[in-house]
Protein backbone atom coordinates (compact mmCIF):
# COMPACT_ATOMS: atom_id res chain seq x y z
CA MET A 1 -26.72 58.16 161.30
CA SER A 2 -25.63 60.74 158.88
CA GLN A 3 -24.52 61.36 155.61
CA THR A 4 -22.66 64.85 154.27
CA ALA A 5 -22.14 65.33 150.89
CA ALA A 6 -19.35 65.91 149.03
CA ALA A 7 -18.36 69.47 147.66
CA PRO A 8 -16.96 69.33 143.97
CA LEU A 9 -14.25 70.71 143.81
CA THR A 10 -13.09 73.34 141.78
CA GLY A 11 -9.76 75.39 139.57
CA THR A 12 -6.79 73.70 139.15
CA LEU A 13 -3.62 72.62 141.49
CA SER A 14 -0.46 73.80 141.40
CA ARG A 15 2.51 70.60 140.21
CA PRO A 16 5.53 71.12 138.69
CA LEU A 17 6.36 70.91 135.53
CA ILE A 18 9.42 69.14 133.71
CA GLY A 19 11.67 71.53 132.00
CA ALA A 20 14.77 70.78 129.47
CA PRO A 21 17.40 71.93 131.15
CA THR A 22 18.99 74.78 129.44
CA ALA A 23 22.90 75.11 128.58
CA THR A 24 25.19 76.93 131.36
CA ARG A 25 27.83 79.14 130.64
CA SER A 26 30.27 76.45 131.18
CA GLU A 27 29.00 73.94 128.73
CA VAL A 28 29.02 76.46 126.39
CA THR A 29 32.86 77.11 126.75
CA LEU A 30 33.27 73.52 127.06
CA ALA A 31 31.44 72.99 123.02
CA TRP A 32 32.99 76.16 121.52
CA THR A 33 36.67 74.48 122.73
CA VAL A 34 36.33 70.95 121.80
CA ALA A 35 34.54 72.78 118.21
CA LEU A 36 38.30 75.02 117.83
CA LEU A 37 40.55 72.12 119.02
CA ALA A 38 38.51 70.19 116.27
CA ALA A 39 38.69 72.48 113.46
CA LEU A 40 42.76 73.05 114.06
CA LEU A 41 42.94 69.47 114.57
CA LEU A 42 41.10 69.71 110.64
CA ALA A 43 43.99 72.42 110.02
CA ALA A 44 46.53 71.06 110.83
CA ALA A 45 45.95 67.80 109.54
CA ALA A 46 45.26 69.69 106.02
CA LEU A 47 48.65 71.07 106.57
CA PHE A 48 50.42 67.52 107.19
CA LEU A 49 49.07 66.15 104.60
CA THR A 50 49.57 68.84 101.90
CA ASN A 51 53.57 68.49 102.76
CA GLY A 52 54.00 65.08 101.81
CA GLY A 53 52.19 63.68 105.32
CA ARG A 54 51.36 60.20 105.16
CA MET A 55 49.96 58.23 107.99
CA PHE A 56 50.12 54.59 109.17
CA VAL A 57 49.16 52.11 112.05
CA VAL A 58 51.40 50.25 113.59
CA GLU A 59 50.15 46.32 113.66
CA THR A 60 53.22 44.02 114.05
CA PRO A 61 55.82 44.20 117.44
CA SER A 62 58.88 43.80 115.63
CA MET A 63 59.41 47.81 116.55
CA GLY A 64 59.33 47.19 120.59
CA GLU A 65 58.70 49.84 122.45
CA ALA A 66 60.19 52.04 119.93
CA ALA A 67 56.82 51.55 118.53
CA PRO A 68 54.19 49.63 119.58
CA VAL A 69 51.22 47.87 118.10
CA GLY A 70 48.94 50.64 117.67
CA THR A 71 51.09 52.90 116.84
CA LEU A 72 49.99 56.35 115.04
CA VAL A 73 52.97 56.90 112.43
CA LEU A 74 53.10 60.17 110.79
CA ASP A 75 55.38 60.53 108.77
CA LEU A 76 57.63 63.63 106.27
CA PRO A 77 59.75 62.59 102.95
CA VAL A 78 62.76 62.16 103.21
CA GLN A 79 66.42 62.00 101.61
CA ALA A 80 68.32 59.17 101.99
CA SER A 81 71.60 61.44 101.78
CA SER A 82 70.38 62.56 105.12
CA LEU A 83 69.68 59.24 106.91
CA GLN A 84 72.11 58.29 109.85
CA VAL A 85 72.37 54.95 111.43
CA GLY A 86 69.96 54.75 114.10
CA ASP A 87 67.34 55.99 112.62
CA ILE A 88 63.45 55.35 111.88
CA VAL A 89 62.30 55.28 108.31
CA SER A 90 59.37 53.74 106.34
CA PHE A 91 59.83 52.24 103.39
CA ARG A 92 58.59 50.01 100.71
CA VAL A 93 60.16 46.49 99.38
CA SER A 94 59.05 45.21 95.57
CA ALA A 95 58.62 41.78 97.15
CA ALA A 96 55.52 42.81 99.01
CA PRO A 97 54.58 46.43 97.15
CA ASP A 98 51.25 46.81 99.11
CA THR A 99 52.46 46.69 102.71
CA ILE A 100 54.49 49.40 104.37
CA TYR A 101 57.48 48.58 106.61
CA THR A 102 58.51 51.07 109.78
CA HIS A 103 61.64 49.83 111.02
CA ARG A 104 65.43 51.19 111.91
CA ILE A 105 68.58 51.67 110.15
CA ILE A 106 71.34 49.50 111.50
CA ASP A 107 73.59 50.03 108.50
CA ILE A 108 73.92 52.03 105.41
CA ASP A 109 77.27 50.68 103.33
CA SER A 110 79.55 53.19 101.56
CA ALA A 111 77.27 52.38 97.89
CA GLY A 112 74.10 54.59 99.98
CA GLY A 113 71.97 51.36 100.63
CA ILE A 114 70.39 51.57 103.49
CA HIS A 115 69.96 48.21 105.89
CA THR A 116 67.56 47.83 108.45
CA ARG A 117 65.45 45.45 111.39
CA GLY A 118 62.58 45.92 113.67
CA ASP A 119 64.23 46.83 117.37
CA VAL A 120 62.45 43.03 118.67
CA ASN A 121 64.17 41.32 115.50
CA GLY A 122 66.80 38.77 115.77
CA ALA A 123 67.59 39.21 112.06
CA THR A 124 68.43 41.85 109.26
CA ASP A 125 65.73 42.77 106.75
CA PRO A 126 67.01 41.22 103.22
CA TRP A 127 67.10 44.06 101.73
CA THR A 128 68.35 47.28 100.78
CA LEU A 129 67.19 49.96 100.63
CA THR A 130 67.39 52.61 98.35
CA GLN A 131 65.42 56.83 98.23
CA GLU A 132 62.71 54.27 95.44
CA ASN A 133 62.32 52.75 98.86
CA LEU A 134 61.99 55.11 101.00
CA VAL A 135 57.84 57.23 101.76
CA GLY A 136 59.44 58.46 104.39
CA THR A 137 60.21 58.88 108.24
CA PRO A 138 58.35 59.49 111.37
CA ALA A 139 57.76 63.00 112.52
CA LEU A 140 55.95 62.13 115.70
CA LEU A 141 54.60 58.34 116.67
CA VAL A 142 51.87 58.10 118.76
CA PRO A 143 51.60 55.29 120.88
CA HIS A 144 48.32 53.99 121.17
CA LEU A 145 46.13 56.72 119.04
CA GLY A 146 46.01 53.94 115.99
CA TRP A 147 43.70 51.77 117.77
CA LEU A 148 41.21 54.56 117.49
CA PHE A 149 41.78 54.57 113.62
CA ARG A 150 41.39 51.31 113.16
CA ALA A 151 38.43 51.07 115.17
CA ALA A 152 37.19 53.44 113.52
CA PRO A 153 34.79 52.02 111.20
CA ILE A 154 33.18 49.79 114.17
CA LEU A 155 32.56 52.83 115.61
CA LEU A 156 31.33 54.58 112.64
CA ILE A 157 28.72 51.67 111.52
CA GLY A 158 27.76 50.86 114.77
CA THR A 159 27.25 54.88 116.29
CA LEU A 160 25.24 54.85 112.99
CA LEU A 161 22.96 51.61 112.94
CA ILE A 162 21.92 53.02 116.99
CA TRP A 163 20.83 56.10 115.95
CA VAL A 164 18.51 54.54 113.38
CA LEU A 165 17.69 52.10 116.18
CA THR A 166 16.42 54.49 118.63
CA SER A 167 15.17 57.52 116.16
CA PRO A 168 11.40 55.90 116.71
CA PHE A 169 11.55 56.25 120.94
CA ALA A 170 10.19 59.91 121.26
CA ASP A 171 10.61 60.76 124.74
CA ARG A 172 14.59 62.05 125.64
CA ILE A 173 15.65 60.11 127.98
CA THR A 174 15.19 56.47 127.09
CA ARG A 175 16.08 57.74 123.32
CA SER A 176 19.30 58.83 124.85
CA SER A 177 19.42 56.38 127.65
CA LEU A 178 19.62 52.74 124.27
CA ARG A 179 22.34 55.49 122.58
CA ILE A 180 24.65 55.57 125.65
CA ALA A 181 24.04 51.72 126.78
CA GLY A 182 24.10 51.05 122.57
CA GLY A 183 27.61 52.86 122.28
CA ALA A 184 29.21 51.03 124.81
CA LEU A 185 28.07 48.30 123.34
CA THR A 186 29.72 49.50 120.15
CA VAL A 187 32.95 50.41 121.81
CA SER A 188 33.23 46.54 123.60
CA TYR A 189 32.35 44.90 120.38
CA ALA A 190 35.61 47.40 118.94
CA ALA A 191 38.21 46.21 122.35
CA PHE A 192 36.80 42.10 121.48
CA VAL A 193 37.58 41.86 117.87
CA LEU A 194 40.49 44.76 117.80
CA ARG A 195 42.05 43.37 121.89
CA PRO A 196 43.34 46.66 121.74
CA PHE A 197 44.23 46.55 125.69
CA VAL A 198 46.01 42.24 126.30
CA ASN A 199 47.74 40.07 123.83
CA VAL A 200 51.04 38.61 123.95
CA THR A 201 52.31 37.61 121.35
CA THR A 202 54.95 34.37 120.99
CA ILE A 203 57.89 35.60 118.95
CA THR A 204 60.71 32.85 119.66
CA ASN A 205 60.45 29.08 120.95
CA THR A 206 64.60 28.03 122.05
CA ALA A 207 64.32 24.17 123.50
CA ASN A 208 67.12 23.42 125.66
CA PRO A 209 67.65 19.81 127.59
CA GLY A 210 65.14 20.14 130.74
CA SER A 211 63.20 23.21 129.85
CA VAL A 212 61.77 25.50 126.54
CA VAL A 213 62.64 29.19 126.37
CA ALA A 214 59.86 31.12 125.26
CA THR A 215 60.29 35.00 123.79
CA VAL A 216 57.11 36.66 124.38
CA VAL A 217 56.35 40.67 123.16
CA SER A 218 53.15 42.30 124.60
CA SER A 219 51.41 43.88 122.30
CA GLY A 220 48.46 46.09 124.27
CA ILE A 221 47.87 48.77 125.88
CA PHE A 222 47.60 47.54 129.54
CA PRO A 223 50.16 45.69 131.48
CA VAL A 224 50.72 42.40 131.76
CA GLN A 225 52.12 39.63 133.65
CA VAL A 226 52.43 36.61 131.77
CA GLN A 227 52.64 33.31 133.38
CA ALA A 228 53.66 29.97 132.57
CA HIS A 229 52.07 26.93 134.18
CA GLY A 230 55.69 25.25 135.27
CA GLY A 231 58.22 28.07 134.48
CA ASN A 232 58.30 31.69 135.68
CA SER A 233 56.71 35.21 134.75
CA VAL A 234 57.19 38.29 133.23
CA HIS A 235 55.95 41.76 133.94
CA LEU A 236 56.01 43.59 130.74
CA VAL A 237 54.38 46.96 128.91
CA ASP A 238 53.36 48.29 125.81
CA GLY A 239 56.20 46.86 123.32
CA GLN A 240 58.10 44.99 126.00
CA VAL A 241 59.70 42.63 125.49
CA GLY A 242 60.34 39.38 128.24
CA ARG A 243 61.84 35.87 128.69
CA VAL A 244 59.55 32.73 130.23
CA VAL A 245 61.38 29.64 131.00
CA ILE A 246 58.96 26.76 131.01
CA HIS A 247 60.47 23.54 132.51
CA GLU A 248 57.25 21.40 132.53
CA LEU A 249 56.08 20.73 129.26
CA ASN A 250 51.84 18.94 128.88
CA HIS A 251 51.40 15.07 127.69
CA HIS A 252 51.25 16.96 123.46
CA GLY A 253 54.74 18.56 124.39
CA SER A 254 53.70 22.03 124.35
CA TYR A 255 53.31 24.71 126.89
CA GLN A 256 50.82 27.23 127.92
CA LEU A 257 51.23 30.93 128.53
CA THR A 258 48.42 32.77 130.71
CA SER A 259 48.62 36.95 130.85
CA ASN A 260 46.64 38.96 133.45
CA ILE A 261 46.71 42.77 133.72
CA ALA A 262 48.50 44.10 136.16
CA LEU A 263 47.60 47.78 137.20
CA ASP A 264 48.67 49.66 139.94
CA PRO A 265 45.68 50.63 142.32
CA SER A 266 45.68 54.55 140.24
CA GLY A 267 45.53 52.63 137.26
CA TRP A 268 42.46 49.95 138.35
CA ALA A 269 40.90 53.11 140.24
CA LEU A 270 40.87 54.67 136.28
CA LEU A 271 40.24 51.01 135.20
CA ILE A 272 36.45 51.08 137.24
CA ALA A 273 35.59 54.73 136.47
CA ALA A 274 36.19 54.07 132.51
CA CYS A 275 33.53 51.54 132.96
CA LEU A 276 31.14 53.30 134.73
CA VAL A 277 31.21 56.45 132.66
CA PRO A 278 28.00 54.86 131.03
CA LEU A 279 26.51 54.79 133.93
CA VAL A 280 27.35 58.17 135.50
CA LEU A 281 25.68 59.00 131.78
CA CYS A 282 22.26 57.17 132.11
CA LEU A 283 21.86 58.72 135.53
CA MET A 284 22.66 62.38 133.91
CA VAL A 285 20.47 61.83 131.46
CA GLY A 286 17.12 60.97 133.45
CA ARG A 287 17.47 63.96 135.79
CA VAL A 288 14.51 65.95 135.81
CA HIS A 289 13.96 70.27 136.50
CA ALA A 290 11.28 71.16 138.32
CA VAL A 291 9.37 73.95 137.02
CA ARG A 292 7.06 76.04 139.10
CA ALA A 293 4.21 77.21 137.12
CA SER A 294 3.38 80.93 137.61
């Protein structure tokens, strides 16, 4: 039996080095584009506010599809003499000075008094408006964007908290992945609290012999199918009003409505793609670039 002594190895073995990826031209262009758009938006907001503009978020479904819940209302000052029947105005009344209403003008009397009503409300508002009540008239109504303004405090606090909690992690991939996951959790919490996607409000109930007619309005971003147990179903988009006829009540004399998302195939594809964004971002962060040592 022979034995051979192992010779010690000398020198170094080449191995790939992990290097941080440099920004590509497209990434630099995207960053500058975003910065330019942000600057333009800030300039437009400053110009709007200096001209007496006011911003509000619709919180009730009284204006139906014209201004669904979550609509951002951009108002400019207006003179009562320039208004006509059919115009939408924002106003305050002495009975609720801290509340701003946005309703449609349905009549202007001979004395110049303005009478309003929400598009889906059954009764005319119980007040007569004058110039002193007017806040402005909408220069722009932006559906859904108001939800982002309402969610801003939650998103801001959540983002700061996640940033602080993940800062001790020295590894870039771990730190970035945790921040992406935390951001997704923050957005989910805001959606849980505010319910911007699916929400149905019952406006009126009318009892008839052998049935109950419920008038409902959708106040969520997604289209929904509203189904009554023991009754019919209606398909509603944001701000749309529908009527559900219920023929069977439970033993308590009440009824139950269920609402489900009613998207078409392309809508479901977009929704699934949006839900996959955090996963895709984590995979992109985890990519490493091998750089050979020279």
